[in-house]
Amino acid sequence: MTDCGCEKAKAELEEFVRNELAHCDADDIREHIENCVECSGEATVAKVLTEAVQRACRETAPEELRSQVLESIREVQTH
């Protein structure tokens, strides 16, 4: 494999972190990240943020809060 370079690694970092790249592209970016301190740091941040967002999306609001929000939406829609 050849080093894909910082530009490509940064451009495709989000897809890489979410495992959305073709195998060969992911391998190129993985190799680059392993050998580039700057991109490795960015990949770590992207992974942590992606995992935090995924966890937050699995949480549900308490029923009382959901009811209040839905009631507020209904009020706005009727005015």
N, C-alpha and C. Protein backbone atom coordinates (compact mmCIF):
# COMPACT_ATOMS: atom_id res chain seq x y z
N MET A 1 0.83 -1.18 0.00
CA MET A 1 0.00 0.00 0.00
C MET A 1 0.88 1.25 0.00
N THR A 2 0.32 2.31 -0.51
CA THR A 2 1.03 3.58 -0.48
C THR A 2 0.27 4.53 0.43
N ASP A 3 1.00 5.46 1.00
CA ASP A 3 0.40 6.43 1.92
C ASP A 3 -0.58 7.30 1.15
N CYS A 4 -1.81 7.35 1.63
CA CYS A 4 -2.85 8.13 0.93
C CYS A 4 -2.69 9.62 1.17
N GLY A 5 -1.94 10.01 2.20
CA GLY A 5 -1.71 11.42 2.49
C GLY A 5 -2.75 12.01 3.42
N CYS A 6 -2.37 13.11 4.04
CA CYS A 6 -3.24 13.78 5.02
C CYS A 6 -4.54 14.28 4.40
N GLU A 7 -4.44 14.82 3.20
CA GLU A 7 -5.63 15.40 2.56
C GLU A 7 -6.75 14.36 2.42
N LYS A 8 -6.41 13.21 1.88
CA LYS A 8 -7.42 12.16 1.70
C LYS A 8 -7.88 11.62 3.05
N ALA A 9 -6.93 11.40 3.97
CA ALA A 9 -7.29 10.86 5.29
C ALA A 9 -8.27 11.80 6.00
N LYS A 10 -8.01 13.09 5.96
CA LYS A 10 -8.89 14.05 6.63
C LYS A 10 -10.24 14.17 5.92
N ALA A 11 -10.22 14.10 4.60
CA ALA A 11 -11.46 14.22 3.84
C ALA A 11 -12.39 13.04 4.09
N GLU A 12 -11.83 11.87 4.36
CA GLU A 12 -12.64 10.66 4.52
C GLU A 12 -12.67 10.16 5.96
N LEU A 13 -12.22 10.99 6.89
CA LEU A 13 -12.10 10.56 8.28
C LEU A 13 -13.44 10.16 8.89
N GLU A 14 -14.46 10.95 8.68
CA GLU A 14 -15.77 10.63 9.28
C GLU A 14 -16.30 9.30 8.77
N GLU A 15 -16.19 9.07 7.47
CA GLU A 15 -16.64 7.80 6.90
C GLU A 15 -15.80 6.64 7.44
N PHE A 16 -14.50 6.88 7.61
CA PHE A 16 -13.62 5.86 8.16
C PHE A 16 -14.05 5.48 9.57
N VAL A 17 -14.28 6.48 10.40
CA VAL A 17 -14.66 6.23 11.80
C VAL A 17 -15.97 5.47 11.88
N ARG A 18 -16.89 5.75 10.96
CA ARG A 18 -18.21 5.08 10.97
C ARG A 18 -18.20 3.78 10.16
N ASN A 19 -17.02 3.34 9.72
CA ASN A 19 -16.88 2.11 8.93
C ASN A 19 -17.73 2.12 7.66
N GLU A 20 -17.71 3.25 6.96
CA GLU A 20 -18.51 3.40 5.75
C GLU A 20 -17.67 3.39 4.47
N LEU A 21 -16.39 3.10 4.58
CA LEU A 21 -15.52 3.11 3.40
C LEU A 21 -15.33 1.70 2.86
N ALA A 22 -15.03 1.63 1.58
CA ALA A 22 -14.65 0.35 0.98
C ALA A 22 -13.39 -0.15 1.69
N HIS A 23 -13.24 -1.45 1.73
CA HIS A 23 -12.13 -2.07 2.47
C HIS A 23 -10.77 -1.50 2.08
N CYS A 24 -10.52 -1.35 0.79
CA CYS A 24 -9.20 -0.87 0.34
C CYS A 24 -8.97 0.59 0.76
N ASP A 25 -10.00 1.43 0.69
CA ASP A 25 -9.87 2.82 1.13
C ASP A 25 -9.65 2.89 2.64
N ALA A 26 -10.38 2.08 3.38
CA ALA A 26 -10.21 2.06 4.83
C ALA A 26 -8.81 1.61 5.21
N ASP A 27 -8.28 0.63 4.50
CA ASP A 27 -6.92 0.16 4.77
C ASP A 27 -5.90 1.26 4.53
N ASP A 28 -6.08 2.02 3.45
CA ASP A 28 -5.16 3.13 3.14
C ASP A 28 -5.19 4.18 4.25
N ILE A 29 -6.38 4.52 4.69
CA ILE A 29 -6.50 5.54 5.72
C ILE A 29 -5.98 5.02 7.05
N ARG A 30 -6.28 3.78 7.38
CA ARG A 30 -5.76 3.18 8.62
C ARG A 30 -4.24 3.22 8.63
N GLU A 31 -3.63 2.84 7.52
CA GLU A 31 -2.16 2.86 7.42
C GLU A 31 -1.62 4.27 7.62
N HIS A 32 -2.28 5.25 6.98
CA HIS A 32 -1.82 6.63 7.11
C HIS A 32 -1.94 7.10 8.56
N ILE A 33 -3.06 6.83 9.18
CA ILE A 33 -3.29 7.26 10.57
C ILE A 33 -2.26 6.64 11.51
N GLU A 34 -1.89 5.41 11.26
CA GLU A 34 -0.89 4.74 12.10
C GLU A 34 0.48 5.40 12.01
N ASN A 35 0.73 6.13 10.91
CA ASN A 35 2.06 6.72 10.69
C ASN A 35 2.07 8.24 10.71
N CYS A 36 0.95 8.87 11.00
CA CYS A 36 0.86 10.33 11.00
C CYS A 36 0.30 10.79 12.34
N VAL A 37 1.12 11.47 13.11
CA VAL A 37 0.71 11.91 14.45
C VAL A 37 -0.49 12.85 14.38
N GLU A 38 -0.47 13.80 13.45
CA GLU A 38 -1.56 14.76 13.34
C GLU A 38 -2.89 14.08 13.00
N CYS A 39 -2.87 13.24 12.00
CA CYS A 39 -4.11 12.55 11.59
C CYS A 39 -4.56 11.54 12.64
N SER A 40 -3.60 10.95 13.33
CA SER A 40 -3.95 10.02 14.41
C SER A 40 -4.72 10.74 15.51
N GLY A 41 -4.27 11.93 15.85
CA GLY A 41 -4.97 12.72 16.86
C GLY A 41 -6.37 13.10 16.41
N GLU A 42 -6.50 13.51 15.15
CA GLU A 42 -7.82 13.86 14.62
C GLU A 42 -8.73 12.64 14.59
N ALA A 43 -8.17 11.49 14.26
CA ALA A 43 -8.98 10.26 14.23
C ALA A 43 -9.48 9.90 15.62
N THR A 44 -8.63 10.10 16.62
CA THR A 44 -9.05 9.82 18.00
C THR A 44 -10.19 10.73 18.41
N VAL A 45 -10.08 12.01 18.12
CA VAL A 45 -11.15 12.96 18.44
C VAL A 45 -12.43 12.59 17.70
N ALA A 46 -12.32 12.28 16.42
CA ALA A 46 -13.50 11.93 15.62
C ALA A 46 -14.17 10.68 16.17
N LYS A 47 -13.38 9.71 16.58
CA LYS A 47 -13.95 8.47 17.12
C LYS A 47 -14.68 8.74 18.44
N VAL A 48 -14.07 9.51 19.32
CA VAL A 48 -14.70 9.83 20.61
C VAL A 48 -16.00 10.59 20.39
N LEU A 49 -15.99 11.59 19.51
CA LEU A 49 -17.20 12.36 19.23
C LEU A 49 -18.29 11.49 18.61
N THR A 50 -17.92 10.65 17.67
CA THR A 50 -18.89 9.77 17.01
C THR A 50 -19.54 8.83 18.02
N GLU A 51 -18.73 8.25 18.90
CA GLU A 51 -19.27 7.35 19.93
C GLU A 51 -20.18 8.10 20.89
N ALA A 52 -19.83 9.34 21.25
CA ALA A 52 -20.67 10.12 22.16
C ALA A 52 -22.02 10.44 21.52
N VAL A 53 -22.00 10.80 20.25
CA VAL A 53 -23.26 11.10 19.54
C VAL A 53 -24.10 9.84 19.42
N GLN A 54 -23.49 8.71 19.12
CA GLN A 54 -24.24 7.46 19.01
C GLN A 54 -24.89 7.10 20.34
N ARG A 55 -24.16 7.28 21.45
CA ARG A 55 -24.74 7.00 22.77
C ARG A 55 -25.90 7.94 23.06
N ALA A 56 -25.74 9.21 22.74
CA ALA A 56 -26.79 10.20 23.00
C ALA A 56 -28.04 9.90 22.19
N CYS A 57 -27.87 9.39 21.00
CA CYS A 57 -29.02 9.09 20.15
C CYS A 57 -29.81 7.88 20.66
N ARG A 58 -29.21 7.06 21.47
CA ARG A 58 -29.90 5.89 22.02
C ARG A 58 -30.72 6.25 23.26
N GLU A 59 -30.41 7.39 23.87
CA GLU A 59 -31.13 7.79 25.07
C GLU A 59 -32.50 8.33 24.70
N THR A 60 -33.46 8.16 25.60
CA THR A 60 -34.80 8.70 25.37
C THR A 60 -35.13 9.69 26.48
N ALA A 61 -35.94 10.65 26.14
CA ALA A 61 -36.34 11.66 27.11
C ALA A 61 -37.35 11.05 28.08
N PRO A 62 -37.36 11.57 29.31
CA PRO A 62 -38.37 11.11 30.27
C PRO A 62 -39.77 11.41 29.72
N GLU A 63 -40.72 10.57 30.06
CA GLU A 63 -42.08 10.69 29.51
C GLU A 63 -42.68 12.07 29.80
N GLU A 64 -42.45 12.60 30.98
CA GLU A 64 -43.02 13.92 31.32
C GLU A 64 -42.47 15.01 30.39
N LEU A 65 -41.17 14.97 30.12
CA LEU A 65 -40.57 15.95 29.22
C LEU A 65 -41.11 15.78 27.81
N ARG A 66 -41.22 14.54 27.36
CA ARG A 66 -41.77 14.29 26.02
C ARG A 66 -43.17 14.87 25.90
N SER A 67 -43.99 14.66 26.93
CA SER A 67 -45.36 15.18 26.91
C SER A 67 -45.38 16.70 26.84
N GLN A 68 -44.50 17.34 27.61
CA GLN A 68 -44.43 18.81 27.60
C GLN A 68 -44.01 19.34 26.24
N VAL A 69 -43.03 18.69 25.62
CA VAL A 69 -42.56 19.13 24.31
C VAL A 69 -43.66 18.94 23.26
N LEU A 70 -44.32 17.80 23.28
CA LEU A 70 -45.39 17.56 22.32
C LEU A 70 -46.54 18.55 22.50
N GLU A 71 -46.87 18.87 23.73
CA GLU A 71 -47.92 19.85 24.00
C GLU A 71 -47.52 21.23 23.47
N SER A 72 -46.27 21.60 23.67
CA SER A 72 -45.78 22.89 23.16
C SER A 72 -45.85 22.93 21.63
N ILE A 73 -45.51 21.83 20.99
CA ILE A 73 -45.57 21.76 19.52
C ILE A 73 -47.02 21.90 19.06
N ARG A 74 -47.94 21.25 19.73
CA ARG A 74 -49.36 21.35 19.37
C ARG A 74 -49.86 22.78 19.50
N GLU A 75 -49.44 23.45 20.57
CA GLU A 75 -49.85 24.85 20.77
C GLU A 75 -49.34 25.75 19.65
N VAL A 76 -48.11 25.56 19.26
CA VAL A 76 -47.53 26.36 18.17
C VAL A 76 -48.25 26.08 16.86
N GLN A 77 -48.58 24.83 16.62
CA GLN A 77 -49.24 24.46 15.36
C GLN A 77 -50.66 25.01 15.26
N THR A 78 -51.34 25.20 16.38
CA THR A 78 -52.71 25.69 16.34
C THR A 78 -52.80 27.20 16.28
N HIS A 79 -51.70 27.88 16.45
CA HIS A 79 -51.73 29.36 16.40
C HIS A 79 -51.34 29.88 15.09
